Structures are given as C-alpha cells and as structure tokens.
mmCIF file of all heavy atoms, coordinates in Angstrom:
data_MODEL
# 
_entry.id   MODEL 
# 
loop_
_atom_site.group_PDB 
_atom_site.id 
_atom_site.type_symbol 
_atom_site.label_atom_id 
_atom_site.label_alt_id 
_atom_site.label_comp_id 
_atom_site.label_asym_id 
_atom_site.label_entity_id 
_atom_site.label_seq_id 
_atom_site.pdbx_PDB_ins_code 
_atom_site.Cartn_x 
_atom_site.Cartn_y 
_atom_site.Cartn_z 
_atom_site.occupancy 
_atom_site.B_iso_or_equiv 
_atom_site.pdbx_formal_charge 
_atom_site.auth_seq_id 
_atom_site.auth_comp_id 
_atom_site.auth_asym_id 
_atom_site.auth_atom_id 
_atom_site.pdbx_PDB_model_num 
ATOM 1   N N   . GLU A 1 1  ? -100.727 -51.955 -46.090 1.00 0.00 ? 1  GLU A N   1 
ATOM 2   C CA  . GLU A 1 1  ? -99.762  -51.237 -45.271 1.00 0.00 ? 1  GLU A CA  1 
ATOM 3   C C   . GLU A 1 1  ? -98.977  -50.290 -46.174 1.00 0.00 ? 1  GLU A C   1 
ATOM 4   O O   . GLU A 1 1  ? -98.756  -50.578 -47.349 1.00 0.00 ? 1  GLU A O   1 
ATOM 5   C CB  . GLU A 1 1  ? -98.768  -52.200 -44.609 1.00 0.00 ? 1  GLU A CB  1 
ATOM 6   C CG  . GLU A 1 1  ? -99.350  -53.059 -43.534 1.00 0.00 ? 1  GLU A CG  1 
ATOM 7   C CD  . GLU A 1 1  ? -99.565  -52.315 -42.230 1.00 0.00 ? 1  GLU A CD  1 
ATOM 8   O OE1 . GLU A 1 1  ? -98.906  -51.299 -41.983 1.00 0.00 ? 1  GLU A OE1 1 
ATOM 9   O OE2 . GLU A 1 1  ? -100.397 -52.771 -41.452 1.00 0.00 ? 1  GLU A OE2 1 
ATOM 10  N N   . ASP A 1 2  ? -98.571  -49.167 -45.619 1.00 0.00 ? 2  ASP A N   1 
ATOM 11  C CA  . ASP A 1 2  ? -97.695  -48.217 -46.303 1.00 0.00 ? 2  ASP A CA  1 
ATOM 12  C C   . ASP A 1 2  ? -96.409  -48.109 -45.507 1.00 0.00 ? 2  ASP A C   1 
ATOM 13  O O   . ASP A 1 2  ? -96.431  -48.056 -44.283 1.00 0.00 ? 2  ASP A O   1 
ATOM 14  C CB  . ASP A 1 2  ? -98.329  -46.826 -46.386 1.00 0.00 ? 2  ASP A CB  1 
ATOM 15  C CG  . ASP A 1 2  ? -99.528  -46.804 -47.316 1.00 0.00 ? 2  ASP A CG  1 
ATOM 16  O OD1 . ASP A 1 2  ? -99.559  -47.589 -48.268 1.00 0.00 ? 2  ASP A OD1 1 
ATOM 17  O OD2 . ASP A 1 2  ? -100.429 -45.987 -47.082 1.00 0.00 ? 2  ASP A OD2 1 
ATOM 18  N N   . LEU A 1 3  ? -95.301  -48.041 -46.230 1.00 0.00 ? 3  LEU A N   1 
ATOM 19  C CA  . LEU A 1 3  ? -93.996  -47.917 -45.606 1.00 0.00 ? 3  LEU A CA  1 
ATOM 20  C C   . LEU A 1 3  ? -93.236  -46.837 -46.355 1.00 0.00 ? 3  LEU A C   1 
ATOM 21  O O   . LEU A 1 3  ? -93.149  -46.878 -47.582 1.00 0.00 ? 3  LEU A O   1 
ATOM 22  C CB  . LEU A 1 3  ? -93.262  -49.258 -45.696 1.00 0.00 ? 3  LEU A CB  1 
ATOM 23  C CG  . LEU A 1 3  ? -91.851  -49.338 -45.157 1.00 0.00 ? 3  LEU A CG  1 
ATOM 24  C CD1 . LEU A 1 3  ? -91.862  -49.139 -43.652 1.00 0.00 ? 3  LEU A CD1 1 
ATOM 25  C CD2 . LEU A 1 3  ? -91.232  -50.666 -45.512 1.00 0.00 ? 3  LEU A CD2 1 
ATOM 26  N N   . GLU A 1 4  ? -92.718  -45.860 -45.633 1.00 0.00 ? 4  GLU A N   1 
ATOM 27  C CA  . GLU A 1 4  ? -91.947  -44.780 -46.242 1.00 0.00 ? 4  GLU A CA  1 
ATOM 28  C C   . GLU A 1 4  ? -90.547  -44.787 -45.663 1.00 0.00 ? 4  GLU A C   1 
ATOM 29  O O   . GLU A 1 4  ? -90.369  -44.891 -44.453 1.00 0.00 ? 4  GLU A O   1 
ATOM 30  C CB  . GLU A 1 4  ? -92.613  -43.434 -45.984 1.00 0.00 ? 4  GLU A CB  1 
ATOM 31  C CG  . GLU A 1 4  ? -93.972  -43.319 -46.625 1.00 0.00 ? 4  GLU A CG  1 
ATOM 32  C CD  . GLU A 1 4  ? -94.610  -41.960 -46.403 1.00 0.00 ? 4  GLU A CD  1 
ATOM 33  O OE1 . GLU A 1 4  ? -93.881  -41.023 -46.030 1.00 0.00 ? 4  GLU A OE1 1 
ATOM 34  O OE2 . GLU A 1 4  ? -95.816  -41.857 -46.592 1.00 0.00 ? 4  GLU A OE2 1 
ATOM 35  N N   . MET A 1 5  ? -89.556  -44.681 -46.560 1.00 0.00 ? 5  MET A N   1 
ATOM 36  C CA  . MET A 1 5  ? -88.155  -44.679 -46.148 1.00 0.00 ? 5  MET A CA  1 
ATOM 37  C C   . MET A 1 5  ? -87.444  -43.541 -46.864 1.00 0.00 ? 5  MET A C   1 
ATOM 38  O O   . MET A 1 5  ? -87.749  -43.243 -48.014 1.00 0.00 ? 5  MET A O   1 
ATOM 39  C CB  . MET A 1 5  ? -87.497  -45.997 -46.542 1.00 0.00 ? 5  MET A CB  1 
ATOM 40  C CG  . MET A 1 5  ? -88.125  -47.222 -45.932 1.00 0.00 ? 5  MET A CG  1 
ATOM 41  S SD  . MET A 1 5  ? -87.522  -48.748 -46.670 1.00 0.00 ? 5  MET A SD  1 
ATOM 42  C CE  . MET A 1 5  ? -88.562  -48.815 -48.132 1.00 0.00 ? 5  MET A CE  1 
ATOM 43  N N   . SER A 1 6  ? -86.495  -42.920 -46.200 1.00 0.00 ? 6  SER A N   1 
ATOM 44  C CA  . SER A 1 6  ? -85.693  -41.871 -46.820 1.00 0.00 ? 6  SER A CA  1 
ATOM 45  C C   . SER A 1 6  ? -84.237  -42.075 -46.455 1.00 0.00 ? 6  SER A C   1 
ATOM 46  O O   . SER A 1 6  ? -83.915  -42.484 -45.344 1.00 0.00 ? 6  SER A O   1 
ATOM 47  C CB  . SER A 1 6  ? -86.138  -40.486 -46.353 1.00 0.00 ? 6  SER A CB  1 
ATOM 48  O OG  . SER A 1 6  ? -87.397  -40.182 -46.874 1.00 0.00 ? 6  SER A OG  1 
ATOM 49  N N   . GLY A 1 7  ? -83.386  -41.773 -47.413 1.00 0.00 ? 7  GLY A N   1 
ATOM 50  C CA  . GLY A 1 7  ? -81.955  -41.867 -47.199 1.00 0.00 ? 7  GLY A CA  1 
ATOM 51  C C   . GLY A 1 7  ? -81.272  -40.636 -47.745 1.00 0.00 ? 7  GLY A C   1 
ATOM 52  O O   . GLY A 1 7  ? -81.901  -39.610 -48.019 1.00 0.00 ? 7  GLY A O   1 
ATOM 53  N N   . PHE A 1 8  ? -79.984  -40.724 -47.961 1.00 0.00 ? 8  PHE A N   1 
ATOM 54  C CA  . PHE A 1 8  ? -79.204  -39.574 -48.416 1.00 0.00 ? 8  PHE A CA  1 
ATOM 55  C C   . PHE A 1 8  ? -79.602  -39.146 -49.830 1.00 0.00 ? 8  PHE A C   1 
ATOM 56  O O   . PHE A 1 8  ? -79.746  -37.972 -50.108 1.00 0.00 ? 8  PHE A O   1 
ATOM 57  C CB  . PHE A 1 8  ? -77.710  -39.903 -48.381 1.00 0.00 ? 8  PHE A CB  1 
ATOM 58  C CG  . PHE A 1 8  ? -76.846  -38.779 -48.833 1.00 0.00 ? 8  PHE A CG  1 
ATOM 59  C CD1 . PHE A 1 8  ? -76.733  -37.621 -48.076 1.00 0.00 ? 8  PHE A CD1 1 
ATOM 60  C CD2 . PHE A 1 8  ? -76.147  -38.859 -50.018 1.00 0.00 ? 8  PHE A CD2 1 
ATOM 61  C CE1 . PHE A 1 8  ? -75.939  -36.582 -48.491 1.00 0.00 ? 8  PHE A CE1 1 
ATOM 62  C CE2 . PHE A 1 8  ? -75.352  -37.826 -50.446 1.00 0.00 ? 8  PHE A CE2 1 
ATOM 63  C CZ  . PHE A 1 8  ? -75.250  -36.686 -49.680 1.00 0.00 ? 8  PHE A CZ  1 
ATOM 64  N N   . GLY A 1 9  ? -79.818  -40.088 -50.735 1.00 0.00 ? 9  GLY A N   1 
ATOM 65  C CA  . GLY A 1 9  ? -80.095  -39.726 -52.115 1.00 0.00 ? 9  GLY A CA  1 
ATOM 66  C C   . GLY A 1 9  ? -81.404  -40.240 -52.670 1.00 0.00 ? 9  GLY A C   1 
ATOM 67  O O   . GLY A 1 9  ? -81.686  -40.081 -53.860 1.00 0.00 ? 9  GLY A O   1 
ATOM 68  N N   . ILE A 1 10 ? -82.225  -40.885 -51.837 1.00 0.00 ? 10 ILE A N   1 
ATOM 69  C CA  . ILE A 1 10 ? -83.472  -41.455 -52.351 1.00 0.00 ? 10 ILE A CA  1 
ATOM 70  C C   . ILE A 1 10 ? -84.525  -41.476 -51.242 1.00 0.00 ? 10 ILE A C   1 
ATOM 71  O O   . ILE A 1 10 ? -84.214  -41.617 -50.066 1.00 0.00 ? 10 ILE A O   1 
ATOM 72  C CB  . ILE A 1 10 ? -83.251  -42.884 -52.894 1.00 0.00 ? 10 ILE A CB  1 
ATOM 73  C CG1 . ILE A 1 10 ? -84.515  -43.423 -53.557 1.00 0.00 ? 10 ILE A CG1 1 
ATOM 74  C CG2 . ILE A 1 10 ? -82.783  -43.809 -51.796 1.00 0.00 ? 10 ILE A CG2 1 
ATOM 75  C CD1 . ILE A 1 10 ? -84.295  -44.715 -54.313 1.00 0.00 ? 10 ILE A CD1 1 
ATOM 76  N N   . SER A 1 11 ? -85.759  -41.309 -51.648 1.00 0.00 ? 11 SER A N   1 
ATOM 77  C CA  . SER A 1 11 ? -86.918  -41.551 -50.788 1.00 0.00 ? 11 SER A CA  1 
ATOM 78  C C   . SER A 1 11 ? -87.744  -42.623 -51.472 1.00 0.00 ? 11 SER A C   1 
ATOM 79  O O   . SER A 1 11 ? -87.807  -42.681 -52.701 1.00 0.00 ? 11 SER A O   1 
ATOM 80  C CB  . SER A 1 11 ? -87.744  -40.289 -50.594 1.00 0.00 ? 11 SER A CB  1 
ATOM 81  O OG  . SER A 1 11 ? -87.019  -39.333 -49.878 1.00 0.00 ? 11 SER A OG  1 
ATOM 82  N N   . HIS A 1 12 ? -88.372  -43.471 -50.695 1.00 0.00 ? 12 HIS A N   1 
ATOM 83  C CA  . HIS A 1 12 ? -89.078  -44.607 -51.279 1.00 0.00 ? 12 HIS A CA  1 
ATOM 84  C C   . HIS A 1 12 ? -90.373  -44.842 -50.512 1.00 0.00 ? 12 HIS A C   1 
ATOM 85  O O   . HIS A 1 12 ? -90.380  -44.854 -49.289 1.00 0.00 ? 12 HIS A O   1 
ATOM 86  C CB  . HIS A 1 12 ? -88.186  -45.848 -51.191 1.00 0.00 ? 12 HIS A CB  1 
ATOM 87  C CG  . HIS A 1 12 ? -88.513  -46.898 -52.176 1.00 0.00 ? 12 HIS A CG  1 
ATOM 88  N ND1 . HIS A 1 12 ? -87.857  -47.002 -53.370 1.00 0.00 ? 12 HIS A ND1 1 
ATOM 89  C CD2 . HIS A 1 12 ? -89.432  -47.867 -52.164 1.00 0.00 ? 12 HIS A CD2 1 
ATOM 90  C CE1 . HIS A 1 12 ? -88.350  -48.020 -54.050 1.00 0.00 ? 12 HIS A CE1 1 
ATOM 91  N NE2 . HIS A 1 12 ? -89.317  -48.560 -53.330 1.00 0.00 ? 12 HIS A NE2 1 
ATOM 92  N N   . THR A 1 13 ? -91.459  -45.019 -51.235 1.00 0.00 ? 13 THR A N   1 
ATOM 93  C CA  . THR A 1 13 ? -92.750  -45.361 -50.648 1.00 0.00 ? 13 THR A CA  1 
ATOM 94  C C   . THR A 1 13 ? -93.147  -46.736 -51.169 1.00 0.00 ? 13 THR A C   1 
ATOM 95  O O   . THR A 1 13 ? -93.123  -46.979 -52.375 1.00 0.00 ? 13 THR A O   1 
ATOM 96  C CB  . THR A 1 13 ? -93.824  -44.333 -51.025 1.00 0.00 ? 13 THR A CB  1 
ATOM 97  O OG1 . THR A 1 13 ? -93.392  -43.051 -50.608 1.00 0.00 ? 13 THR A OG1 1 
ATOM 98  C CG2 . THR A 1 13 ? -95.143  -44.653 -50.366 1.00 0.00 ? 13 THR A CG2 1 
ATOM 99  N N   . VAL A 1 14 ? -93.503  -47.631 -50.258 1.00 0.00 ? 14 VAL A N   1 
ATOM 100 C CA  . VAL A 1 14 ? -93.912  -48.988 -50.612 1.00 0.00 ? 14 VAL A CA  1 
ATOM 101 C C   . VAL A 1 14 ? -95.304  -49.219 -50.043 1.00 0.00 ? 14 VAL A C   1 
ATOM 102 O O   . VAL A 1 14 ? -95.571  -48.919 -48.886 1.00 0.00 ? 14 VAL A O   1 
ATOM 103 C CB  . VAL A 1 14 ? -92.933  -50.034 -50.032 1.00 0.00 ? 14 VAL A CB  1 
ATOM 104 C CG1 . VAL A 1 14 ? -93.393  -51.441 -50.372 1.00 0.00 ? 14 VAL A CG1 1 
ATOM 105 C CG2 . VAL A 1 14 ? -91.522  -49.788 -50.515 1.00 0.00 ? 14 VAL A CG2 1 
ATOM 106 N N   . LYS A 1 15 ? -96.196  -49.732 -50.875 1.00 0.00 ? 15 LYS A N   1 
ATOM 107 C CA  . LYS A 1 15 ? -97.534  -50.102 -50.425 1.00 0.00 ? 15 LYS A CA  1 
ATOM 108 C C   . LYS A 1 15 ? -97.731  -51.570 -50.774 1.00 0.00 ? 15 LYS A C   1 
ATOM 109 O O   . LYS A 1 15 ? -97.456  -51.985 -51.894 1.00 0.00 ? 15 LYS A O   1 
ATOM 110 C CB  . LYS A 1 15 ? -98.594  -49.249 -51.111 1.00 0.00 ? 15 LYS A CB  1 
ATOM 111 C CG  . LYS A 1 15 ? -100.001 -49.553 -50.638 1.00 0.00 ? 15 LYS A CG  1 
ATOM 112 C CD  . LYS A 1 15 ? -101.009 -48.593 -51.237 1.00 0.00 ? 15 LYS A CD  1 
ATOM 113 C CE  . LYS A 1 15 ? -102.377 -48.844 -50.647 1.00 0.00 ? 15 LYS A CE  1 
ATOM 114 N NZ  . LYS A 1 15 ? -103.359 -47.876 -51.104 1.00 0.00 ? 15 LYS A NZ  1 
ATOM 115 N N   . TYR A 1 16 ? -98.185  -52.352 -49.800 1.00 0.00 ? 16 TYR A N   1 
ATOM 116 C CA  . TYR A 1 16 ? -98.414  -53.766 -50.037 1.00 0.00 ? 16 TYR A CA  1 
ATOM 117 C C   . TYR A 1 16 ? -99.611  -54.222 -49.225 1.00 0.00 ? 16 TYR A C   1 
ATOM 118 O O   . TYR A 1 16 ? -100.036 -53.543 -48.294 1.00 0.00 ? 16 TYR A O   1 
ATOM 119 C CB  . TYR A 1 16 ? -97.179  -54.600 -49.686 1.00 0.00 ? 16 TYR A CB  1 
ATOM 120 C CG  . TYR A 1 16 ? -96.774  -54.503 -48.242 1.00 0.00 ? 16 TYR A CG  1 
ATOM 121 C CD1 . TYR A 1 16 ? -97.232  -55.431 -47.325 1.00 0.00 ? 16 TYR A CD1 1 
ATOM 122 C CD2 . TYR A 1 16 ? -95.953  -53.482 -47.794 1.00 0.00 ? 16 TYR A CD2 1 
ATOM 123 C CE1 . TYR A 1 16 ? -96.875  -55.346 -45.991 1.00 0.00 ? 16 TYR A CE1 1 
ATOM 124 C CE2 . TYR A 1 16 ? -95.585  -53.385 -46.463 1.00 0.00 ? 16 TYR A CE2 1 
ATOM 125 C CZ  . TYR A 1 16 ? -96.046  -54.322 -45.572 1.00 0.00 ? 16 TYR A CZ  1 
ATOM 126 O OH  . TYR A 1 16 ? -95.695  -54.227 -44.255 1.00 0.00 ? 16 TYR A OH  1 
ATOM 127 N N   . GLY A 1 17 ? -100.158 -55.347 -49.610 1.00 0.00 ? 17 GLY A N   1 
ATOM 128 C CA  . GLY A 1 17 ? -101.292 -55.870 -48.871 1.00 0.00 ? 17 GLY A CA  1 
ATOM 129 C C   . GLY A 1 17 ? -101.990 -56.993 -49.598 1.00 0.00 ? 17 GLY A C   1 
ATOM 130 O O   . GLY A 1 17 ? -101.475 -57.538 -50.567 1.00 0.00 ? 17 GLY A O   1 
ATOM 131 N N   . VAL A 1 18 ? -103.168 -57.313 -49.113 1.00 0.00 ? 18 VAL A N   1 
ATOM 132 C CA  . VAL A 1 18 ? -104.017 -58.342 -49.705 1.00 0.00 ? 18 VAL A CA  1 
ATOM 133 C C   . VAL A 1 18 ? -105.323 -57.668 -50.086 1.00 0.00 ? 18 VAL A C   1 
ATOM 134 O O   . VAL A 1 18 ? -105.970 -57.036 -49.253 1.00 0.00 ? 18 VAL A O   1 
ATOM 135 C CB  . VAL A 1 18 ? -104.266 -59.496 -48.715 1.00 0.00 ? 18 VAL A CB  1 
ATOM 136 C CG1 . VAL A 1 18 ? -105.197 -60.530 -49.316 1.00 0.00 ? 18 VAL A CG1 1 
ATOM 137 C CG2 . VAL A 1 18 ? -102.953 -60.130 -48.293 1.00 0.00 ? 18 VAL A CG2 1 
ATOM 138 N N   . ASP A 1 19 ? -105.706 -57.774 -51.369 1.00 0.00 ? 19 ASP A N   1 
ATOM 139 C CA  . ASP A 1 19 ? -106.935 -57.115 -51.820 1.00 0.00 ? 19 ASP A CA  1 
ATOM 140 C C   . ASP A 1 19 ? -108.157 -57.991 -51.563 1.00 0.00 ? 19 ASP A C   1 
ATOM 141 O O   . ASP A 1 19 ? -108.052 -59.072 -50.980 1.00 0.00 ? 19 ASP A O   1 
ATOM 142 C CB  . ASP A 1 19 ? -106.821 -56.709 -53.292 1.00 0.00 ? 19 ASP A CB  1 
ATOM 143 C CG  . ASP A 1 19 ? -106.690 -57.888 -54.242 1.00 0.00 ? 19 ASP A CG  1 
ATOM 144 O OD1 . ASP A 1 19 ? -106.877 -59.042 -53.814 1.00 0.00 ? 19 ASP A OD1 1 
ATOM 145 O OD2 . ASP A 1 19 ? -106.406 -57.636 -55.430 1.00 0.00 ? 19 ASP A OD2 1 
ATOM 146 N N   . GLU A 1 20 ? -109.324 -57.512 -52.007 1.00 0.00 ? 20 GLU A N   1 
ATOM 147 C CA  . GLU A 1 20 ? -110.575 -58.231 -51.717 1.00 0.00 ? 20 GLU A CA  1 
ATOM 148 C C   . GLU A 1 20 ? -110.683 -59.577 -52.429 1.00 0.00 ? 20 GLU A C   1 
ATOM 149 O O   . GLU A 1 20 ? -111.501 -60.409 -52.069 1.00 0.00 ? 20 GLU A O   1 
ATOM 150 C CB  . GLU A 1 20 ? -111.789 -57.358 -52.060 1.00 0.00 ? 20 GLU A CB  1 
ATOM 151 C CG  . GLU A 1 20 ? -111.791 -56.790 -53.448 1.00 0.00 ? 20 GLU A CG  1 
ATOM 152 C CD  . GLU A 1 20 ? -111.018 -55.486 -53.564 1.00 0.00 ? 20 GLU A CD  1 
ATOM 153 O OE1 . GLU A 1 20 ? -110.675 -54.884 -52.553 1.00 0.00 ? 20 GLU A OE1 1 
ATOM 154 O OE2 . GLU A 1 20 ? -110.739 -55.089 -54.706 1.00 0.00 ? 20 GLU A OE2 1 
ATOM 155 N N   . ASN A 1 21 ? -109.823 -59.828 -53.431 1.00 0.00 ? 21 ASN A N   1 
ATOM 156 C CA  . ASN A 1 21 ? -109.800 -61.136 -54.101 1.00 0.00 ? 21 ASN A CA  1 
ATOM 157 C C   . ASN A 1 21 ? -108.852 -62.112 -53.420 1.00 0.00 ? 21 ASN A C   1 
ATOM 158 O O   . ASN A 1 21 ? -108.721 -63.245 -53.852 1.00 0.00 ? 21 ASN A O   1 
ATOM 159 C CB  . ASN A 1 21 ? -109.374 -60.973 -55.561 1.00 0.00 ? 21 ASN A CB  1 
ATOM 160 C CG  . ASN A 1 21 ? -110.356 -60.133 -56.335 1.00 0.00 ? 21 ASN A CG  1 
ATOM 161 O OD1 . ASN A 1 21 ? -111.561 -60.209 -56.119 1.00 0.00 ? 21 ASN A OD1 1 
ATOM 162 N ND2 . ASN A 1 21 ? -109.856 -59.317 -57.243 1.00 0.00 ? 21 ASN A ND2 1 
ATOM 163 N N   . GLY A 1 22 ? -108.164 -61.662 -52.381 1.00 0.00 ? 22 GLY A N   1 
ATOM 164 C CA  . GLY A 1 22 ? -107.210 -62.509 -51.684 1.00 0.00 ? 22 GLY A CA  1 
ATOM 165 C C   . GLY A 1 22 ? -105.849 -62.540 -52.355 1.00 0.00 ? 22 GLY A C   1 
ATOM 166 O O   . GLY A 1 22 ? -105.015 -63.387 -52.049 1.00 0.00 ? 22 GLY A O   1 
ATOM 167 N N   . THR A 1 23 ? -105.604 -61.603 -53.276 1.00 0.00 ? 23 THR A N   1 
ATOM 168 C CA  . THR A 1 23 ? -104.351 -61.540 -54.012 1.00 0.00 ? 23 THR A CA  1 
ATOM 169 C C   . THR A 1 23 ? -103.391 -60.559 -53.351 1.00 0.00 ? 23 THR A C   1 
ATOM 170 O O   . THR A 1 23 ? -103.779 -59.434 -53.035 1.00 0.00 ? 23 THR A O   1 
ATOM 171 C CB  . THR A 1 23 ? -104.613 -61.087 -55.469 1.00 0.00 ? 23 THR A CB  1 
ATOM 172 O OG1 . THR A 1 23 ? -105.594 -61.948 -56.039 1.00 0.00 ? 23 THR A OG1 1 
ATOM 173 C CG2 . THR A 1 23 ? -103.342 -61.135 -56.289 1.00 0.00 ? 23 THR A CG2 1 
ATOM 174 N N   . PHE A 1 24 ? -102.146 -60.984 -53.167 1.00 0.00 ? 24 PHE A N   1 
ATOM 175 C CA  . PHE A 1 24 ? -101.120 -60.110 -52.608 1.00 0.00 ? 24 PHE A CA  1 
ATOM 176 C C   . PHE A 1 24 ? -100.691 -59.111 -53.675 1.00 0.00 ? 24 PHE A C   1 
ATOM 177 O O   . PHE A 1 24 ? -100.523 -59.457 -54.841 1.00 0.00 ? 24 PHE A O   1 
ATOM 178 C CB  . PHE A 1 24 ? -99.918  -60.941 -52.162 1.00 0.00 ? 24 PHE A CB  1 
ATOM 179 C CG  . PHE A 1 24 ? -98.800  -60.106 -51.613 1.00 0.00 ? 24 PHE A CG  1 
ATOM 180 C CD1 . PHE A 1 24 ? -98.871  -59.608 -50.328 1.00 0.00 ? 24 PHE A CD1 1 
ATOM 181 C CD2 . PHE A 1 24 ? -97.692  -59.827 -52.379 1.00 0.00 ? 24 PHE A CD2 1 
ATOM 182 C CE1 . PHE A 1 24 ? -97.843  -58.833 -49.812 1.00 0.00 ? 24 PHE A CE1 1 
ATOM 183 C CE2 . PHE A 1 24 ? -96.659  -59.055 -51.879 1.00 0.00 ? 24 PHE A CE2 1 
ATOM 184 C CZ  . PHE A 1 24 ? -96.740  -58.560 -50.593 1.00 0.00 ? 24 PHE A CZ  1 
ATOM 185 N N   . PHE A 1 25 ? -100.522 -57.843 -53.308 1.00 0.00 ? 25 PHE A N   1 
ATOM 186 C CA  . PHE A 1 25 ? -100.025 -56.845 -54.249 1.00 0.00 ? 25 PHE A CA  1 
ATOM 187 C C   . PHE A 1 25 ? -98.933  -56.016 -53.597 1.00 0.00 ? 25 PHE A C   1 
ATOM 188 O O   . PHE A 1 25 ? -98.839  -55.932 -52.371 1.00 0.00 ? 25 PHE A O   1 
ATOM 189 C CB  . PHE A 1 25 ? -101.159 -55.941 -54.762 1.00 0.00 ? 25 PHE A CB  1 
ATOM 190 C CG  . PHE A 1 25 ? -101.704 -55.016 -53.712 1.00 0.00 ? 25 PHE A CG  1 
ATOM 191 C CD1 . PHE A 1 25 ? -101.186 -53.747 -53.553 1.00 0.00 ? 25 PHE A CD1 1 
ATOM 192 C CD2 . PHE A 1 25 ? -102.743 -55.410 -52.893 1.00 0.00 ? 25 PHE A CD2 1 
ATOM 193 C CE1 . PHE A 1 25 ? -101.682 -52.893 -52.592 1.00 0.00 ? 25 PHE A CE1 1 
ATOM 194 C CE2 . PHE A 1 25 ? -103.243 -54.571 -51.923 1.00 0.00 ? 25 PHE A CE2 1 
ATOM 195 C CZ  . PHE A 1 25 ? -102.716 -53.306 -51.768 1.00 0.00 ? 25 PHE A CZ  1 
# 
C-alpha cells in the first residue's frame, strides 16, 4: 500500500506491505 500525506510544512510518502517472503516492510 502507498499512503501520501501533506501538511503546512511537510509532505510524506509511506509504503508498507508484505513481500513474497512473508516479511512486513
């Protein structure tokens, strides 16, 4: 999943998920 957030002084992109090994990243 990708999540993008923006505020007054910062923008932030977060990517998270489960890869093919079953590991959360």
